[in-house]
Protein backbone atom coordinates (compact mmCIF):
# COMPACT_ATOMS: atom_id res chain seq x y z
CA MET A 1 -7.45 15.37 -14.77
CA GLU A 2 -3.82 16.10 -13.95
CA LEU A 3 -2.46 14.93 -10.61
CA TYR A 4 -0.42 17.25 -8.39
CA LEU A 5 1.02 16.67 -4.93
CA ASP A 6 0.35 19.22 -2.19
CA SER A 7 3.33 19.00 0.17
CA VAL A 8 6.78 20.21 1.21
CA ASP A 9 7.80 16.95 2.87
CA PHE A 10 10.79 15.72 0.84
CA LYS A 11 10.22 12.05 1.68
CA GLU A 12 6.58 12.29 0.64
CA ILE A 13 7.57 14.05 -2.56
CA GLU A 14 10.07 11.35 -3.48
CA ALA A 15 7.47 8.68 -2.76
CA ALA A 16 4.86 10.43 -4.90
CA LEU A 17 7.27 11.00 -7.77
CA ASP A 18 7.89 7.26 -7.81
CA PHE A 19 4.43 6.86 -9.34
CA GLY A 20 5.96 8.35 -12.47
CA PHE A 21 2.98 10.47 -13.51
CA ILE A 22 2.79 13.30 -10.98
CA LYS A 23 2.55 16.54 -13.00
CA GLY A 24 3.65 18.99 -10.35
CA LEU A 25 3.89 20.15 -6.76
CA THR A 26 1.93 22.83 -4.92
CA THR A 27 3.34 24.42 -1.78
CA THR A 28 2.26 26.99 0.79
CA PRO A 29 4.04 29.03 3.45
CA THR A 30 1.81 27.24 5.97
CA PHE A 31 3.27 23.87 4.94
CA MET A 32 6.79 25.24 5.26
CA HIS A 33 6.07 26.59 8.74
CA ARG A 34 4.38 23.35 9.81
CA HIS A 35 7.37 21.28 8.75
CA GLY A 36 9.83 23.55 10.52
CA ILE A 37 11.54 24.76 7.34
CA THR A 38 13.60 27.85 8.14
CA ASP A 39 15.57 28.17 4.90
CA ILE A 40 12.57 28.74 2.65
CA ASP A 41 14.61 29.84 -0.36
CA GLY A 42 16.86 26.80 -0.06
CA ALA A 43 13.81 24.53 0.09
CA ILE A 44 12.32 26.18 -3.00
CA VAL A 45 15.55 25.69 -4.94
CA LYS A 46 15.70 22.02 -3.94
CA LEU A 47 12.04 21.43 -4.78
CA SER A 48 12.45 23.08 -8.16
CA GLY A 49 15.03 20.50 -9.07
CA MET A 50 12.90 17.58 -7.90
CA VAL A 51 9.53 18.03 -9.56
CA PRO A 52 8.26 18.55 -13.14
CA GLU A 53 6.54 21.78 -12.12
CA LEU A 54 6.73 23.78 -8.88
CA GLN A 55 4.00 26.13 -7.75
CA VAL A 56 5.24 28.56 -5.12
CA GLU A 57 3.81 31.61 -3.35
CA ALA A 58 4.63 35.13 -4.50
CA LEU A 59 3.30 37.43 -1.77
CA GLY A 60 3.16 41.20 -1.58
CA ASN A 61 0.97 44.04 -0.40
CA ASN A 62 0.53 45.45 -3.92
CA PRO A 63 1.21 44.44 -7.53
CA ASP A 64 4.70 45.90 -7.51
CA GLU A 65 5.69 43.93 -4.43
CA ILE A 66 4.20 40.73 -5.86
CA LEU A 67 6.18 41.19 -9.08
CA ALA A 68 9.31 42.00 -7.11
CA GLU A 69 8.93 38.81 -5.10
CA ALA A 70 8.44 36.81 -8.28
CA GLU A 71 11.60 38.29 -9.77
CA ARG A 72 13.47 37.58 -6.53
CA LEU A 73 12.41 33.94 -6.65
CA LEU A 74 13.52 33.68 -10.26
CA GLY A 75 16.90 35.03 -9.19
CA LEU A 76 17.45 32.10 -6.82
CA GLY A 77 18.70 29.97 -9.69
CA LEU A 78 15.72 27.62 -9.92
CA ALA A 79 15.90 24.62 -12.22
CA LYS A 80 12.93 25.97 -14.16
CA PRO A 81 10.53 28.94 -13.83
CA PRO A 82 7.85 28.14 -11.27
CA VAL A 83 4.14 28.81 -11.38
CA PHE A 84 3.59 31.78 -9.08
CA LYS A 85 0.74 31.39 -6.59
CA VAL A 86 -1.08 34.64 -5.86
CA PRO A 87 -4.08 35.01 -3.52
CA ILE A 88 -7.18 36.47 -5.14
CA SER A 89 -7.64 40.23 -4.64
CA ASN A 90 -7.71 43.34 -6.80
CA ASP A 91 -3.97 43.65 -6.36
CA GLY A 92 -3.59 39.92 -6.97
CA VAL A 93 -5.33 39.94 -10.36
CA LYS A 94 -3.40 43.06 -11.39
CA ALA A 95 -0.16 41.27 -10.54
CA CYS A 96 -1.41 38.16 -12.34
CA LYS A 97 -2.01 40.17 -15.54
CA ARG A 98 1.42 41.76 -15.38
CA LEU A 99 3.12 38.41 -14.71
CA THR A 100 1.28 36.67 -17.56
CA ASP A 101 2.16 39.54 -19.89
CA LYS A 102 5.78 38.74 -19.07
CA GLY A 103 5.21 35.12 -20.05
CA TYR A 104 4.98 33.66 -16.54
CA ARG A 105 2.27 31.31 -15.31
CA VAL A 106 0.12 32.16 -12.31
CA ASN A 107 -2.14 30.19 -9.98
CA VAL A 108 -4.73 32.52 -8.46
CA HIS A 109 -5.89 30.72 -5.34
CA LEU A 110 -7.90 31.13 -2.13
CA ILE A 111 -10.95 31.48 -4.36
CA TYR A 112 -14.37 31.10 -2.75
CA THR A 113 -16.80 32.65 -5.26
CA LEU A 114 -17.45 32.49 -9.00
CA ASN A 115 -16.91 36.24 -9.26
CA GLN A 116 -13.39 35.83 -7.86
CA ALA A 117 -12.76 33.03 -10.34
CA TYR A 118 -14.01 35.18 -13.20
CA MET A 119 -11.60 38.01 -12.35
CA ALA A 120 -8.71 35.53 -12.25
CA MET A 121 -9.72 34.10 -15.64
CA GLU A 122 -9.84 37.57 -17.14
CA ALA A 123 -6.39 38.29 -15.71
CA GLY A 124 -5.04 35.30 -17.61
CA ALA A 125 -4.45 32.98 -14.67
CA SER A 126 -3.15 29.58 -15.73
CA PHE A 127 -4.86 28.00 -12.72
CA ILE A 128 -8.07 28.90 -10.88
CA CYS A 129 -7.90 27.35 -7.43
CA PRO A 130 -10.93 27.18 -5.09
CA LEU A 131 -10.44 25.30 -1.81
CA ALA A 132 -12.92 22.45 -1.42
CA GLY A 133 -12.24 21.40 2.16
CA ARG A 134 -12.14 24.91 3.56
CA MET A 135 -15.36 25.86 1.78
CA GLN A 136 -17.17 22.79 3.06
CA ASP A 137 -15.90 23.50 6.56
CA GLN A 138 -17.87 26.76 6.35
CA GLY A 139 -20.99 25.09 5.00
CA HIS A 140 -20.58 26.23 1.36
CA ASP A 141 -21.31 24.11 -1.72
CA ALA A 142 -17.75 23.76 -2.99
CA ILE A 143 -18.64 21.21 -5.65
CA GLN A 144 -21.10 23.58 -7.28
CA LEU A 145 -18.42 26.27 -7.50
CA PHE A 146 -16.02 23.90 -9.26
CA GLU A 147 -18.73 22.92 -11.72
CA GLN A 148 -19.51 26.59 -12.40
CA CYS A 149 -15.85 27.42 -12.98
CA VAL A 150 -15.47 24.56 -15.47
CA ASP A 151 -18.69 25.63 -17.23
CA VAL A 152 -17.57 29.27 -17.54
CA ILE A 153 -14.20 28.25 -18.98
CA ASP A 154 -15.88 25.97 -21.52
CA ARG A 155 -18.55 28.55 -22.39
CA TYR A 156 -16.26 31.54 -22.90
CA GLY A 157 -13.08 29.83 -23.99
CA TYR A 158 -10.78 30.90 -21.16
CA ASN A 159 -7.37 29.23 -21.09
CA SER A 160 -7.39 28.77 -17.31
CA LYS A 161 -7.39 25.33 -15.70
CA VAL A 162 -9.53 24.69 -12.63
CA MET A 163 -7.50 23.17 -9.79
CA PHE A 164 -9.33 21.21 -7.10
CA SER A 165 -7.45 21.86 -3.85
CA SER A 166 -7.84 21.50 -0.08
CA VAL A 167 -8.42 17.79 -0.58
CA ARG A 168 -9.24 15.99 2.66
CA HIS A 169 -10.16 12.47 1.56
CA ALA A 170 -10.61 10.13 -1.39
CA GLU A 171 -14.21 11.23 -1.92
CA HIS A 172 -12.91 14.68 -2.82
CA VAL A 173 -10.87 13.12 -5.63
CA ARG A 174 -13.94 11.32 -6.98
CA GLN A 175 -15.92 14.55 -6.85
CA ALA A 176 -13.10 16.40 -8.59
CA MET A 177 -13.22 14.00 -11.54
CA LEU A 178 -17.01 14.17 -11.80
CA THR A 179 -17.01 17.98 -11.82
CA GLY A 180 -14.64 18.00 -14.79
CA VAL A 181 -11.82 20.01 -13.20
CA HIS A 182 -8.52 19.98 -15.02
CA VAL A 183 -6.17 19.48 -12.07
CA CYS A 184 -6.40 17.99 -8.59
CA THR A 185 -3.71 18.64 -5.97
CA MET A 186 -3.77 16.52 -2.88
CA PRO A 187 -1.72 15.47 0.16
CA TYR A 188 0.25 12.26 -0.04
CA SER A 189 -1.89 10.73 2.72
CA VAL A 190 -4.82 10.77 0.28
CA MET A 191 -2.85 9.98 -2.87
CA LYS A 192 -1.22 6.81 -1.55
CA ASN A 193 -4.59 5.30 -0.62
CA LEU A 194 -6.45 5.91 -3.89
CA CYS A 195 -5.69 2.40 -5.15
CA GLU A 196 -6.64 0.76 -1.85
CA ASN A 197 -9.85 -1.24 -1.61
CA THR A 198 -10.73 -4.14 0.66
CA LEU A 199 -12.41 -6.14 -2.10
CA THR A 200 -9.44 -5.61 -4.41
CA ALA A 201 -7.07 -6.78 -1.69
CA LEU A 202 -9.16 -9.89 -1.04
CA GLY A 203 -9.38 -10.68 -4.74
CA THR A 204 -5.66 -10.19 -5.26
CA ALA A 205 -4.84 -12.42 -2.30
CA GLN A 206 -7.17 -15.08 -3.67
CA PHE A 207 -5.59 -14.95 -7.13
CA ARG A 208 -2.11 -15.19 -5.63
CA GLU A 209 -3.15 -18.06 -3.38
CA HIS A 210 -4.72 -20.04 -6.20
CA THR A 211 -1.76 -19.43 -8.50
CA GLN A 212 0.69 -20.66 -5.90
CA LEU A 213 -1.44 -23.67 -5.05
CA MET A 214 -1.39 -24.68 -8.71
CA THR A 215 2.32 -23.99 -9.32
CA MET A 216 4.14 -24.65 -6.03
CA ARG A 217 4.96 -28.13 -4.84
CA VAL A 218 5.06 -29.71 -1.40
CA LYS A 219 8.86 -29.62 -1.32
CA ASP A 220 8.74 -25.82 -1.69
CA VAL A 221 7.01 -25.27 1.64
CA ILE A 222 7.84 -28.08 4.04
CA ARG A 223 10.01 -27.15 6.99
CA GLY A 224 13.63 -28.18 7.27
CA ALA A 225 12.86 -30.24 10.35
CA ASN A 226 12.16 -33.91 9.70
CA PRO A 227 11.56 -35.68 13.05
CA VAL A 228 11.94 -39.42 12.53
CA CYS A 229 12.06 -42.28 15.05
CA GLN A 230 12.44 -46.00 14.59
CA THR A 231 9.62 -48.00 16.09
CA THR A 232 12.11 -49.46 18.57
CA GLU A 233 12.93 -46.07 20.10
CA THR A 234 11.33 -44.92 23.34
CA LEU A 235 8.47 -42.52 23.78
CA THR A 236 10.90 -40.13 25.49
CA ASN A 237 13.01 -39.97 22.33
CA ALA A 238 9.90 -39.23 20.30
CA MET A 239 8.93 -36.42 22.69
CA VAL A 240 12.37 -34.84 22.40
CA LYS A 241 12.36 -34.92 18.61
CA MET A 242 8.82 -33.62 18.50
CA THR A 243 9.76 -30.70 20.75
CA GLU A 244 12.97 -29.89 18.87
CA SER A 245 11.19 -29.86 15.52
CA ARG A 246 8.27 -27.76 16.80
CA LEU A 247 5.97 -30.11 14.94
CA GLY A 248 3.16 -32.05 16.55
CA VAL A 249 4.10 -35.30 14.89
CA VAL A 250 6.99 -37.75 14.55
CA THR A 251 7.31 -40.09 11.58
CA LEU A 252 8.01 -43.67 12.59
CA VAL A 253 10.08 -45.93 10.36
CA GLU A 254 11.11 -49.55 10.21
CA ALA A 255 14.78 -50.56 10.30
CA SER A 256 14.70 -50.40 6.48
CA GLY A 257 13.70 -46.74 6.59
CA ALA A 258 10.20 -47.37 5.21
CA VAL A 259 7.36 -45.42 6.82
CA ALA A 260 5.69 -47.50 9.51
CA GLY A 261 3.35 -44.90 10.98
CA VAL A 262 3.15 -41.65 12.92
CA PHE A 263 2.99 -40.64 16.55
CA THR A 264 1.33 -37.30 17.31
CA ASP A 265 1.16 -34.94 20.25
CA GLY A 266 -2.48 -36.03 20.58
CA ASP A 267 -1.36 -39.66 20.86
CA LEU A 268 1.14 -38.58 23.52
CA ARG A 269 -1.52 -36.92 25.69
CA ARG A 270 -3.89 -39.85 25.39
CA LYS A 271 -1.22 -42.43 26.24
CA LEU A 272 -0.04 -40.49 29.31
CA GLN A 273 -3.59 -40.04 30.54
CA SER A 274 -4.48 -43.71 30.11
CA ASP A 275 -1.20 -45.42 31.02
CA GLY A 276 0.71 -42.89 33.13
CA ARG A 277 4.37 -41.83 33.15
CA GLY A 278 5.57 -45.41 33.19
CA ILE A 279 5.30 -45.60 29.42
CA LEU A 280 7.98 -42.93 28.83
CA ASP A 281 10.74 -45.52 28.63
CA LYS A 282 8.76 -48.02 26.58
CA SER A 283 9.25 -48.44 22.86
CA LEU A 284 6.85 -46.87 20.42
CA ALA A 285 6.12 -50.30 18.98
CA SER A 286 4.97 -51.55 22.39
CA ILE A 287 2.69 -48.63 23.25
CA GLY A 288 1.08 -48.39 19.82
CA PHE A 289 0.84 -45.76 17.11
CA SER A 290 -1.07 -44.94 13.94
CA LYS A 291 0.01 -47.42 11.29
CA THR A 292 -1.93 -45.85 8.42
CA PRO A 293 -0.42 -42.38 8.02
CA HIS A 294 -1.28 -40.20 5.05
CA THR A 295 1.75 -39.72 2.84
CA ILE A 296 2.38 -37.50 -0.13
CA ASP A 297 5.18 -37.27 -2.66
CA ARG A 298 7.43 -34.25 -2.28
CA ASP A 299 6.80 -33.25 -5.94
CA THR A 300 3.02 -33.12 -5.51
CA LEU A 301 1.31 -29.79 -6.24
CA LEU A 302 0.03 -27.96 -3.18
CA ASN A 303 -3.43 -27.92 -4.70
CA ASP A 304 -3.51 -31.73 -4.49
CA ALA A 305 -2.16 -31.62 -0.94
CA VAL A 306 -5.09 -29.41 0.05
CA LYS A 307 -7.48 -32.03 -1.30
CA VAL A 308 -5.86 -34.63 0.98
CA PHE A 309 -6.21 -32.35 4.02
CA LYS A 310 -9.88 -31.73 3.27
CA LYS A 311 -10.83 -35.29 2.44
CA ALA A 312 -9.02 -36.93 5.34
CA GLU A 313 -9.70 -34.08 7.82
CA ILE A 314 -6.16 -34.26 9.17
CA ASP A 315 -3.59 -31.67 10.26
CA SER A 316 -0.37 -33.19 8.91
CA ILE A 317 0.87 -35.38 6.08
CA VAL A 318 4.14 -37.30 5.90
CA VAL A 319 6.16 -36.22 2.88
CA VAL A 320 8.13 -38.93 1.09
CA ASP A 321 10.62 -39.07 -1.77
CA ALA A 322 10.54 -41.31 -4.82
CA ALA A 323 11.85 -44.22 -2.71
CA LYS A 324 8.98 -43.71 -0.23
CA LYS A 325 11.42 -42.56 2.49
CA PRO A 326 10.21 -39.72 4.76
CA VAL A 327 11.74 -36.31 4.00
CA GLY A 328 9.51 -34.10 6.11
CA VAL A 329 6.03 -33.27 7.32
CA LEU A 330 3.50 -30.95 5.68
CA ASP A 331 1.43 -29.26 8.36
CA VAL A 332 -1.80 -27.48 7.46
CA GLN A 333 -0.82 -24.52 9.64
CA ASP A 334 2.27 -24.00 7.49
CA LEU A 335 0.06 -23.32 4.50
CA ILE A 336 -2.15 -20.98 6.48
CA LYS A 337 0.80 -18.98 7.87
CA LEU A 338 2.26 -18.61 4.37
CA GLY A 339 -1.04 -17.19 3.14
CA LEU A 340 -1.50 -20.11 0.78
CA LEU A 341 -4.55 -21.53 2.48
CA GLY A 342 -7.43 -19.88 4.30
CA GLN A 343 -9.54 -21.49 6.96
CA GLU A 344 -12.44 -21.55 4.47
CA HIS A 345 -10.60 -24.28 2.50
CA LEU A 346 -10.54 -26.65 5.43
């Protein structure tokens, strides 16, 4: 089933063409009016140069006028001859026959019955174009008509292609494929969402997450901030560094630079509640801190870091280098914000 875009919006057309497999573009005077296009001929010329095939309306009150309009359009200097769209009628099929005899291609559209489709096939129409959405709006079985058109073409060997048009939603596209139509033309709003699916998105995110967890290392994701205090520094200093880093933990080190422990925002709240503001100027060594922090080497895979978070049920891990000196803090929220870890892993 060939894919066509139904639009006159130049930005939409460029976006659709980026797929690389759009076969053509269908237009209508209604689209042009809706988008405020006043230079219709100029728009047609521009569109002709953009798309592999342009289908454009050739209107007239009789076959002569329809042919005259087709010739006028050809005289605009189009990049390639368009497919002329002609509404179904006695005059329309007469014009279709005369145009096809001249070697031009015609889309006979606004078809609502099999009899109309048959007359267009006999006239040599390249495309037979019923309107699914409009038919269903009126309570008609549009899908049955498409199936009948495909069956008649197959049975009698007509060269016409059935075009599924007036597409309103993705279900129409599925129905178009199942009916066996040759072409489906649709608005970009439908086309751009055909690949979308919630389960696909979840699966893709999971694959990406697991790949990154098994290939990225701790050093790739830790923040630039590395709040460190010596155990002899005051609680006030620790609070300042904690605030500046926007982390809820400060790594404490001995004079040698070796990790001695950690002091967290939770420790801060508990100490203030139990001992009051008087401890703000006391040293961290005197007020106490966690002396058994969880550390991890900066070159460790994130997958192994996750195991530490889960097993220890902690929110942060001190990151150290080969010399066991602190180089940062890995916070579980950092992994979650980066999309590398969901709450279900915790």
